[in-house]
Amino acid sequence: MYKSISMGVAALLLASTSSFADTYNVTSSSDSGNDTLRAAILDASSKKGPHTINVHTSDIVINKPLSYSGSDLLNIYGEGQTITSNGNFNIIESTNGADLAISSLNLIGPGGFDINNRGDINEDAGKGVFVDVRDDQEGIVNLILTDVKVANVANHGIHISDCNLADDCGGGGGGAGEGSPASISVTLNYVTVDNVGQGKMDADGLRVDERSIGSIHATINNSSFKNVGADGVELDEGQSGSVLVSVIDSSFIDNGTYCLPSILESFMPAEDEGEFDDYKIKENEIPAAVVGSPDDTCIEREVSLYDSGYVEEYEFGIDTDDGFDIDEAGPGDLTASIIDTMISGNFDEGLDFDEEGAGSINMIIVNSNSMNNSDDGYKHSESDDGDVNAYVLDSRAYENGGKGFVFEEEDEGNVAVTVVDVMTTANDDSDDTGLEVVQDDDGNGSLTILSSDISDGIDDDGVTITQK
């Protein structure tokens, strides 16, 4: 599958230079009319492609989405111009699952959004780039962004949806919705995503929703995700496909701030958690779900009941988000390499990678730093029969609110982790929190530590440690 995805990207680039492509030259900076970007996109929508649009104007202000309804490749080449939306709507959208490539443009929303000034009240919150995959689509859907900035939109900065529930898909094993057989390939080079997702709950910098048998392939180079309301990047593969990720020289900084604790803490119940013996407390005797906050969906309420129906325990929490979140819920693998990357100041985990089905987690982390995140710096969790394999080189985790590195296998799979020239310090309370490696069931576990300084300790269970 991954070979076919890579070949699909190459074919996309080849198609963009084909002599059969329609070419449009945009020379008017008006929102509509002759020689405008909107006119070019509308004309391309009605014709067979591939299509190329060259933008040779000054900055453009738009009054409604630039919507491409064709199904053939569309390339848009800018020269560093800014396209600004004067309202809360999608800036560029591909509504029929077409491959889309955008270069050298800034896509800027109206801004001013936060939990007290939401963008989803009586309207749909706008996105920077949106690709909607057809229900019957096959093959590979490609999105390539190069030298692009997306900022100040209320919703996802960049969203590719292969889910018939659109923004209501959810993530991981609990994710709902159905999708096409197609796979999704996203390539970001020199992309900046800043101050997006502040107008609604669970709005990410980059969001990919993939259902059915398709896979996700994400390549992120020299890019940054900062000040995002939810996750800087969230990749959700909800059924049988795999996730393959390469991140090089990128950053995930200060994300997950829409559900801001400083605003929401006053709405939490006085007793926000409790644990009880059986036949002690009924559910109507514990605090009810929060109503009346700026966004009640930010405050989670979890209740566990005994078989008798009485409350075993309950807990309330404010749902902040991560720097980079992956949920792979079917039998496919989660394979990722993180190289020369900074993860800092995110309001939940720095990296949060979860594999819930029979597939494995395969990780490489090289010369990367995760620091000052509110929870774990790097978290990897496999909850079924798959393995966790990780190699960490010349990387650091420090001053995180949770543990530094976490690698856990909760079922019958194996855990094999090697760390070389790794440093951890001052994570959580510095009590066995620098590195956690756990095999919770019948599988085998091994941890090899070479030339490393885990000054805040190791938390291990079910693993054999070799340290040199």
Protein backbone atom coordinates (compact mmCIF):
# COMPACT_ATOMS: atom_id res chain seq x y z
CA MET A 1 0.00 0.00 0.00
CA TYR A 2 2.73 2.49 0.91
CA LYS A 3 4.55 1.87 -2.36
CA SER A 4 1.35 2.61 -4.24
CA ILE A 5 0.82 5.80 -2.23
CA SER A 6 4.33 7.05 -3.07
CA MET A 7 3.75 6.23 -6.73
CA GLY A 8 0.50 8.18 -6.53
CA VAL A 9 2.31 11.33 -5.36
CA ALA A 10 4.83 10.96 -8.18
CA ALA A 11 2.00 10.58 -10.68
CA LEU A 12 0.35 13.71 -9.30
CA LEU A 13 3.48 15.77 -9.81
CA LEU A 14 3.93 14.35 -13.30
CA ALA A 15 0.34 15.18 -14.20
CA SER A 16 0.84 18.80 -13.14
CA THR A 17 3.37 19.26 -15.96
CA SER A 18 1.40 17.36 -18.60
CA SER A 19 0.99 19.05 -21.97
CA PHE A 20 -2.71 18.15 -21.77
CA ALA A 21 -3.33 20.32 -18.70
CA ASP A 22 -5.60 23.38 -18.91
CA THR A 23 -3.72 26.49 -17.75
CA TYR A 24 -5.31 29.66 -16.37
CA ASN A 25 -3.47 32.93 -15.69
CA VAL A 26 -5.13 35.06 -13.01
CA THR A 27 -4.50 38.79 -13.55
CA SER A 28 -7.36 40.39 -11.58
CA SER A 29 -7.35 40.62 -7.78
CA SER A 30 -11.14 41.08 -7.65
CA ASP A 31 -13.21 38.45 -5.89
CA SER A 32 -15.16 37.60 -9.04
CA GLY A 33 -15.35 38.41 -12.71
CA ASN A 34 -13.08 37.94 -15.70
CA ASP A 35 -9.48 36.84 -15.10
CA THR A 36 -10.05 36.26 -11.37
CA LEU A 37 -9.07 33.25 -9.31
CA ARG A 38 -12.72 32.44 -8.69
CA ALA A 39 -13.50 32.50 -12.42
CA ALA A 40 -10.57 30.17 -13.11
CA ILE A 41 -11.67 27.68 -10.45
CA LEU A 42 -15.28 27.75 -11.67
CA ASP A 43 -14.24 27.13 -15.27
CA ALA A 44 -11.88 24.33 -14.26
CA SER A 45 -14.72 22.74 -12.28
CA SER A 46 -16.71 22.27 -15.48
CA LYS A 47 -13.93 20.71 -17.58
CA LYS A 48 -11.75 17.64 -17.65
CA GLY A 49 -8.28 18.19 -16.23
CA PRO A 50 -5.70 18.24 -14.88
CA HIS A 51 -5.77 22.04 -14.42
CA THR A 52 -3.11 24.60 -13.51
CA ILE A 53 -3.88 28.09 -12.21
CA ASN A 54 -1.09 30.69 -12.02
CA VAL A 55 -1.90 33.66 -9.79
CA HIS A 56 -0.17 36.86 -10.95
CA THR A 57 -2.11 39.44 -8.93
CA SER A 58 -1.81 41.39 -5.71
CA ASP A 59 -3.56 40.13 -2.56
CA ILE A 60 -7.17 38.94 -2.85
CA VAL A 61 -10.14 39.36 -0.49
CA ILE A 62 -12.97 36.84 -0.94
CA ASN A 63 -16.62 36.99 0.13
CA LYS A 64 -17.40 33.26 -0.08
CA PRO A 65 -15.46 29.99 -0.48
CA LEU A 66 -13.27 29.34 -3.51
CA SER A 67 -14.95 26.03 -4.35
CA TYR A 68 -13.62 23.49 -6.85
CA SER A 69 -16.21 20.85 -7.77
CA GLY A 70 -14.21 18.98 -10.41
CA SER A 71 -12.78 15.52 -9.88
CA ASP A 72 -9.45 15.99 -11.72
CA LEU A 73 -6.20 17.39 -10.33
CA LEU A 74 -6.12 21.13 -9.62
CA ASN A 75 -2.79 22.95 -9.17
CA ILE A 76 -2.79 26.53 -7.84
CA TYR A 77 0.55 28.37 -8.02
CA GLY A 78 0.83 31.69 -6.22
CA GLU A 79 3.67 34.16 -5.83
CA GLY A 80 3.40 34.76 -2.08
CA GLN A 81 0.05 36.56 -2.18
CA THR A 82 -2.46 36.54 0.66
CA ILE A 83 -6.04 35.37 0.16
CA THR A 84 -8.16 36.76 3.00
CA SER A 85 -11.72 35.69 3.79
CA ASN A 86 -13.91 38.47 5.11
CA GLY A 87 -16.21 36.00 6.85
CA ASN A 88 -16.37 32.70 8.69
CA PHE A 89 -16.27 30.22 5.79
CA ASN A 90 -13.89 27.80 4.05
CA ILE A 91 -11.22 29.59 2.02
CA ILE A 92 -10.34 26.89 -0.56
CA GLU A 93 -12.34 23.69 -0.85
CA SER A 94 -12.33 20.66 -3.12
CA THR A 95 -15.84 19.24 -2.83
CA ASN A 96 -15.59 16.23 -5.13
CA GLY A 97 -12.47 14.44 -3.91
CA ALA A 98 -10.04 15.88 -6.46
CA ASP A 99 -6.29 15.90 -5.93
CA LEU A 100 -5.23 19.40 -4.90
CA ALA A 101 -1.81 21.09 -4.94
CA ILE A 102 -1.29 24.66 -3.67
CA SER A 103 1.99 26.58 -3.66
CA SER A 104 3.17 29.98 -2.39
CA LEU A 105 -0.07 31.38 -0.97
CA ASN A 106 -1.19 32.66 2.43
CA LEU A 107 -4.76 31.68 3.38
CA ILE A 108 -5.99 33.94 6.17
CA GLY A 109 -9.36 33.91 7.93
CA PRO A 110 -11.03 36.77 9.81
CA GLY A 111 -9.58 35.77 13.20
CA GLY A 112 -10.79 36.91 16.61
CA PHE A 113 -12.14 33.51 17.64
CA ASP A 114 -11.96 31.92 21.09
CA ILE A 115 -14.23 29.97 23.41
CA ASN A 116 -16.10 33.17 24.28
CA ASN A 117 -16.37 34.21 20.62
CA ARG A 118 -17.14 30.94 18.89
CA GLY A 119 -17.38 30.35 15.17
CA ASP A 120 -19.87 27.47 15.32
CA ILE A 121 -22.94 29.21 16.75
CA ASN A 122 -25.75 29.08 14.17
CA GLU A 123 -23.22 28.53 11.35
CA ASP A 124 -20.50 26.15 10.19
CA ALA A 125 -17.03 27.22 11.28
CA GLY A 126 -14.70 27.96 8.37
CA LYS A 127 -11.55 26.05 7.38
CA GLY A 128 -8.45 27.08 5.48
CA VAL A 129 -8.23 24.13 3.06
CA PHE A 130 -10.91 21.43 2.88
CA VAL A 131 -10.92 18.28 0.72
CA ASP A 132 -14.10 16.20 0.83
CA VAL A 133 -13.58 12.63 -0.43
CA ARG A 134 -16.41 11.05 -2.42
CA ASP A 135 -18.16 8.05 -0.86
CA ASP A 136 -17.35 5.91 -3.93
CA GLN A 137 -13.76 7.10 -4.37
CA GLU A 138 -10.94 4.62 -4.97
CA GLY A 139 -7.17 4.85 -5.32
CA ILE A 140 -5.35 7.71 -3.58
CA VAL A 141 -6.51 11.23 -2.75
CA ASN A 142 -3.52 13.59 -2.75
CA LEU A 143 -3.10 16.97 -1.07
CA ILE A 144 0.23 18.76 -1.54
CA LEU A 145 0.90 22.15 0.08
CA THR A 146 4.21 23.93 -0.49
CA ASP A 147 5.18 27.29 1.02
CA VAL A 148 1.64 27.84 2.32
CA LYS A 149 0.44 29.62 5.46
CA VAL A 150 -2.98 29.00 7.00
CA ALA A 151 -4.11 31.22 9.86
CA ASN A 152 -7.05 32.76 11.73
CA VAL A 153 -9.81 30.34 10.69
CA ALA A 154 -12.30 29.12 13.29
CA ASN A 155 -12.20 25.43 12.35
CA HIS A 156 -9.49 23.04 11.11
CA GLY A 157 -6.68 24.78 9.31
CA ILE A 158 -6.40 21.90 6.81
CA HIS A 159 -8.98 19.10 6.66
CA ILE A 160 -9.20 16.00 4.46
CA SER A 161 -12.37 14.04 5.20
CA ASP A 162 -13.06 10.50 4.03
CA CYS A 163 -15.99 10.19 6.43
CA ASN A 164 -19.68 10.65 5.75
CA LEU A 165 -20.15 12.47 9.07
CA ALA A 166 -17.69 15.28 8.22
CA ASP A 167 -16.83 17.14 11.45
CA ASP A 168 -18.75 14.63 13.60
CA CYS A 169 -16.53 11.63 12.84
CA GLY A 170 -14.60 11.53 16.09
CA GLY A 171 -11.35 9.61 16.39
CA GLY A 172 -9.84 6.26 17.26
CA GLY A 173 -11.83 3.16 18.05
CA GLY A 174 -14.76 5.33 19.15
CA GLY A 175 -14.78 7.19 15.86
CA ALA A 176 -18.04 6.98 13.95
CA GLY A 177 -18.89 7.21 10.27
CA GLU A 178 -18.15 5.36 7.05
CA GLY A 179 -15.85 6.21 4.17
CA SER A 180 -14.63 5.22 0.73
CA PRO A 181 -12.01 2.56 -0.14
CA ALA A 182 -9.56 5.34 -1.06
CA SER A 183 -6.33 6.13 0.79
CA ILE A 184 -5.23 9.66 1.66
CA SER A 185 -1.77 11.13 1.04
CA VAL A 186 -0.85 14.52 2.53
CA THR A 187 2.47 16.23 1.80
CA LEU A 188 3.34 19.50 3.54
CA ASN A 189 6.58 21.34 2.72
CA TYR A 190 7.35 24.68 4.36
CA VAL A 191 3.80 25.04 5.68
CA THR A 192 2.83 27.24 8.63
CA VAL A 193 -0.43 26.69 10.50
CA ASP A 194 -1.02 29.36 13.15
CA ASN A 195 -3.97 30.45 15.31
CA VAL A 196 -6.57 28.14 13.81
CA GLY A 197 -9.23 26.01 15.50
CA GLN A 198 -10.01 28.58 18.18
CA GLY A 199 -13.68 28.91 17.15
CA LYS A 200 -15.00 25.44 18.00
CA MET A 201 -14.29 22.30 19.96
CA ASP A 202 -11.90 19.70 18.45
CA ALA A 203 -10.66 21.83 15.54
CA ASP A 204 -7.10 20.89 14.55
CA GLY A 205 -4.24 22.39 12.58
CA LEU A 206 -4.18 19.44 10.17
CA ARG A 207 -6.98 16.89 10.43
CA VAL A 208 -7.29 13.71 8.37
CA ASP A 209 -10.33 11.46 8.83
CA GLU A 210 -10.01 8.08 7.07
CA ARG A 211 -12.60 5.32 7.24
CA SER A 212 -13.07 1.97 5.46
CA ILE A 213 -10.02 0.10 4.06
CA GLY A 214 -7.85 3.06 3.03
CA SER A 215 -4.64 4.20 4.70
CA ILE A 216 -3.13 7.57 5.65
CA HIS A 217 0.31 8.67 4.46
CA ALA A 218 1.50 12.02 5.85
CA THR A 219 4.83 13.67 4.98
CA ILE A 220 5.59 16.87 6.91
CA ASN A 221 8.82 18.75 6.24
CA ASN A 222 10.00 22.13 7.53
CA SER A 223 6.54 22.96 8.82
CA SER A 224 5.07 24.41 12.01
CA PHE A 225 1.80 24.05 13.91
CA LYS A 226 1.29 26.57 16.69
CA ASN A 227 -1.50 28.17 18.70
CA VAL A 228 -4.06 25.64 17.44
CA GLY A 229 -7.27 25.24 19.44
CA ALA A 230 -7.16 21.42 19.41
CA ASP A 231 -4.34 19.16 18.16
CA GLY A 232 -1.61 20.64 16.02
CA VAL A 233 -2.03 17.55 13.83
CA GLU A 234 -4.63 14.79 14.21
CA LEU A 235 -4.67 11.71 11.99
CA ASP A 236 -7.63 9.36 12.53
CA GLU A 237 -7.60 5.98 10.78
CA GLY A 238 -10.78 4.42 12.08
CA GLN A 239 -10.94 1.02 10.42
CA SER A 240 -8.63 -1.44 8.62
CA GLY A 241 -5.98 0.76 6.98
CA SER A 242 -2.56 1.79 8.28
CA VAL A 243 -0.89 5.11 9.09
CA LEU A 244 2.56 5.98 7.77
CA VAL A 245 4.12 9.27 8.88
CA SER A 246 7.39 11.09 8.23
CA VAL A 247 8.12 14.37 10.05
CA ILE A 248 11.40 16.23 9.52
CA ASP A 249 12.54 19.61 10.88
CA SER A 250 9.10 20.67 12.06
CA SER A 251 7.51 22.04 15.24
CA PHE A 252 4.35 21.59 17.32
CA ILE A 253 4.11 24.44 19.81
CA ASP A 254 1.43 25.77 22.21
CA ASN A 255 -1.47 23.74 20.82
CA GLY A 256 -4.66 22.49 22.49
CA THR A 257 -5.79 25.79 24.02
CA TYR A 258 -9.45 26.17 22.96
CA CYS A 259 -10.74 24.49 26.13
CA LEU A 260 -8.66 26.83 28.25
CA PRO A 261 -8.53 25.65 31.88
CA SER A 262 -8.22 29.19 33.24
CA ILE A 263 -11.67 29.94 31.77
CA LEU A 264 -13.40 26.62 32.46
CA GLU A 265 -12.16 25.69 35.93
CA SER A 266 -14.82 27.86 37.60
CA PHE A 267 -17.53 25.72 35.94
CA MET A 268 -16.17 22.43 37.31
CA PRO A 269 -18.07 20.80 40.20
CA ALA A 270 -16.62 21.27 43.67
CA GLU A 271 -16.07 17.51 43.90
CA ASP A 272 -14.75 16.64 40.45
CA GLU A 273 -14.04 12.96 41.18
CA GLY A 274 -15.15 10.21 43.50
CA GLU A 275 -14.84 6.47 44.19
CA PHE A 276 -17.42 4.44 46.12
CA ASP A 277 -18.29 0.99 47.44
CA ASP A 278 -21.14 -0.90 45.78
CA TYR A 279 -24.69 0.05 46.82
CA LYS A 280 -23.39 3.34 48.23
CA ILE A 281 -24.12 6.08 45.65
CA LYS A 282 -26.67 6.30 42.84
CA GLU A 283 -25.85 8.18 39.63
CA ASN A 284 -28.36 10.94 40.39
CA GLU A 285 -26.43 11.65 43.59
CA ILE A 286 -23.18 12.63 41.86
CA PRO A 287 -22.65 15.92 39.98
CA ALA A 288 -24.52 16.14 36.68
CA ALA A 289 -22.92 17.04 33.36
CA VAL A 290 -21.84 20.67 33.26
CA VAL A 291 -24.31 23.08 31.65
CA GLY A 292 -23.81 26.80 31.12
CA SER A 293 -20.08 27.08 30.41
CA PRO A 294 -18.85 28.83 27.23
CA ASP A 295 -18.68 25.35 25.60
CA ASP A 296 -20.01 22.45 27.64
CA THR A 297 -18.39 19.89 25.31
CA CYS A 298 -15.01 20.93 26.74
CA ILE A 299 -15.83 19.39 30.13
CA GLU A 300 -15.82 15.59 30.10
CA ARG A 301 -17.82 13.50 32.58
CA GLU A 302 -16.92 9.83 32.93
CA VAL A 303 -18.96 7.49 35.13
CA SER A 304 -18.31 3.79 35.86
CA LEU A 305 -21.13 1.70 37.33
CA TYR A 306 -21.18 -1.59 39.21
CA ASP A 307 -23.36 -4.40 37.82
CA SER A 308 -25.89 -3.31 40.42
CA GLY A 309 -26.23 0.07 38.72
CA TYR A 310 -24.63 1.96 41.60
CA VAL A 311 -21.69 4.28 40.97
CA GLU A 312 -18.21 2.79 41.24
CA GLU A 313 -16.37 6.01 40.34
CA TYR A 314 -16.73 9.25 38.41
CA GLU A 315 -14.40 11.95 37.15
CA PHE A 316 -14.69 15.34 35.45
CA GLY A 317 -11.92 16.76 33.28
CA ILE A 318 -11.22 19.62 30.89
CA ASP A 319 -10.52 18.29 27.40
CA THR A 320 -7.32 19.97 26.25
CA ASP A 321 -5.38 18.64 23.25
CA ASP A 322 -1.99 17.53 21.96
CA GLY A 323 0.80 18.68 19.73
CA PHE A 324 0.48 15.64 17.44
CA ASP A 325 -2.23 12.98 17.84
CA ILE A 326 -2.61 9.74 15.86
CA ASP A 327 -5.41 7.20 16.39
CA GLU A 328 -5.13 3.95 14.41
CA ALA A 329 -8.09 1.80 15.35
CA GLY A 330 -8.16 -1.18 12.98
CA PRO A 331 -5.75 -4.03 12.23
CA GLY A 332 -3.26 -1.81 10.35
CA ASP A 333 0.08 -0.56 11.67
CA LEU A 334 1.09 2.88 12.91
CA THR A 335 4.58 3.59 11.55
CA ALA A 336 6.22 6.97 12.15
CA SER A 337 9.59 8.71 12.08
CA ILE A 338 10.08 12.01 13.92
CA ILE A 339 13.39 13.70 13.06
CA ASP A 340 14.85 17.10 14.03
CA THR A 341 11.53 18.18 15.53
CA MET A 342 10.45 20.40 18.45
CA ILE A 343 7.35 19.63 20.54
CA SER A 344 6.73 22.23 23.24
CA GLY A 345 4.08 23.86 25.40
CA ASN A 346 1.12 21.77 24.26
CA PHE A 347 -1.78 21.60 26.72
CA ASP A 348 -2.03 17.79 26.80
CA GLU A 349 0.57 15.32 25.45
CA GLY A 350 3.31 16.42 23.12
CA LEU A 351 2.99 13.31 20.92
CA ASP A 352 0.04 10.97 21.56
CA PHE A 353 0.13 7.91 19.28
CA ASP A 354 -2.46 5.16 19.89
CA GLU A 355 -2.99 1.85 18.08
CA GLU A 356 -6.19 0.12 19.19
CA GLY A 357 -6.42 -2.91 16.89
CA ALA A 358 -4.23 -5.85 15.94
CA GLY A 359 -1.56 -3.73 14.23
CA SER A 360 1.75 -2.59 15.69
CA ILE A 361 3.43 0.71 16.53
CA ASN A 362 6.81 1.19 14.83
CA MET A 363 8.60 4.39 15.90
CA ILE A 364 11.85 6.16 15.13
CA ILE A 365 12.65 9.39 17.00
CA VAL A 366 15.90 11.19 16.16
CA ASN A 367 17.32 14.50 17.42
CA SER A 368 14.00 15.74 18.72
CA ASN A 369 12.89 17.60 21.86
CA SER A 370 9.64 17.43 23.82
CA MET A 371 9.38 19.88 26.70
CA ASN A 372 6.94 21.89 28.81
CA ASN A 373 3.91 19.92 27.65
CA SER A 374 1.13 19.57 30.23
CA ASP A 375 1.14 15.76 30.09
CA ASP A 376 3.57 13.18 28.63
CA GLY A 377 6.25 14.33 26.23
CA TYR A 378 6.05 11.30 23.90
CA LYS A 379 3.27 8.74 24.48
CA HIS A 380 2.82 5.49 22.52
CA SER A 381 0.10 3.00 23.46
CA GLU A 382 -0.90 -0.30 21.81
CA SER A 383 -4.02 -1.84 23.34
CA ASP A 384 -4.47 -5.09 21.39
CA ASP A 385 -2.21 -7.92 20.15
CA GLY A 386 0.23 -5.80 18.13
CA ASP A 387 3.79 -4.95 19.10
CA VAL A 388 5.50 -1.71 20.11
CA ASN A 389 8.90 -1.26 18.47
CA ALA A 390 10.84 1.96 19.04
CA TYR A 391 14.31 3.34 18.42
CA VAL A 392 15.11 6.72 20.01
CA LEU A 393 18.39 8.48 19.22
CA ASP A 394 19.84 11.78 20.47
CA SER A 395 16.51 13.07 21.78
CA ARG A 396 15.29 14.77 24.93
CA ALA A 397 12.21 15.02 27.15
CA TYR A 398 12.19 17.51 30.00
CA GLU A 399 9.90 19.54 32.21
CA ASN A 400 6.74 17.83 30.98
CA GLY A 401 3.74 17.55 33.30
CA GLY A 402 3.57 13.80 32.72
CA LYS A 403 6.25 11.29 31.87
CA GLY A 404 9.02 11.96 29.38
CA PHE A 405 8.75 8.89 27.10
CA VAL A 406 5.97 6.27 27.33
CA PHE A 407 5.87 2.96 25.44
CA GLU A 408 3.11 0.61 26.58
CA GLU A 409 1.57 -2.62 25.27
CA GLU A 410 -1.62 -3.53 27.10
CA ASP A 411 -2.37 -6.97 25.60
CA GLU A 412 -0.39 -9.94 24.23
CA GLY A 413 2.01 -8.12 21.91
CA ASN A 414 5.71 -7.51 22.55
CA VAL A 415 7.58 -4.34 23.47
CA ALA A 416 11.11 -3.67 22.20
CA VAL A 417 12.57 -0.21 22.90
CA THR A 418 16.13 1.01 22.35
CA VAL A 419 17.25 4.47 23.46
CA VAL A 420 20.68 5.86 22.56
CA ASP A 421 22.08 9.19 23.75
CA VAL A 422 18.76 10.18 25.28
CA MET A 423 18.26 12.67 28.12
CA THR A 424 15.25 13.09 30.40
CA THR A 425 14.93 15.38 33.41
CA ALA A 426 12.36 17.15 35.59
CA ASN A 427 9.33 15.38 34.13
CA ASP A 428 6.28 15.30 36.44
CA ASP A 429 7.55 14.77 40.00
CA SER A 430 10.88 13.25 38.85
CA ASP A 431 9.91 9.95 40.49
CA ASP A 432 10.45 7.23 37.87
CA THR A 433 8.89 9.44 35.20
CA GLY A 434 11.61 9.96 32.61
CA LEU A 435 11.01 6.70 30.71
CA GLU A 436 8.12 4.26 31.04
CA VAL A 437 8.18 0.92 29.20
CA VAL A 438 5.39 -1.53 30.05
CA GLN A 439 4.15 -4.93 28.86
CA ASP A 440 0.89 -5.45 30.76
CA ASP A 441 -0.05 -8.94 29.57
CA ASP A 442 1.56 -12.12 28.18
CA GLY A 443 3.98 -10.65 25.64
CA ASN A 444 7.71 -10.12 25.98
CA GLY A 445 9.34 -6.81 26.82
CA SER A 446 12.87 -5.45 26.39
CA LEU A 447 14.45 -2.06 27.02
CA THR A 448 18.01 -1.29 25.93
CA ILE A 449 19.59 1.94 27.21
CA LEU A 450 22.90 3.12 25.74
CA SER A 451 24.85 6.28 26.60
CA SER A 452 21.79 7.96 28.07
CA ASP A 453 20.93 10.06 31.13
CA ILE A 454 17.47 9.21 32.48
CA SER A 455 17.91 11.38 35.56
CA ASP A 456 14.24 11.31 36.62
CA GLY A 457 14.03 7.53 36.62
CA ILE A 458 12.60 4.52 34.79
CA ASP A 459 9.16 2.97 35.31
CA ASP A 460 9.16 -0.56 33.89
CA ASP A 461 6.81 -3.52 34.09
CA GLY A 462 7.13 -6.82 32.27
CA VAL A 463 10.38 -5.85 30.52
CA THR A 464 14.03 -6.86 30.74
CA ILE A 465 16.41 -3.90 30.94
CA THR A 466 19.91 -3.83 29.45
CA GLN A 467 21.83 -0.67 30.32
CA LYS A 468 25.32 0.36 29.23
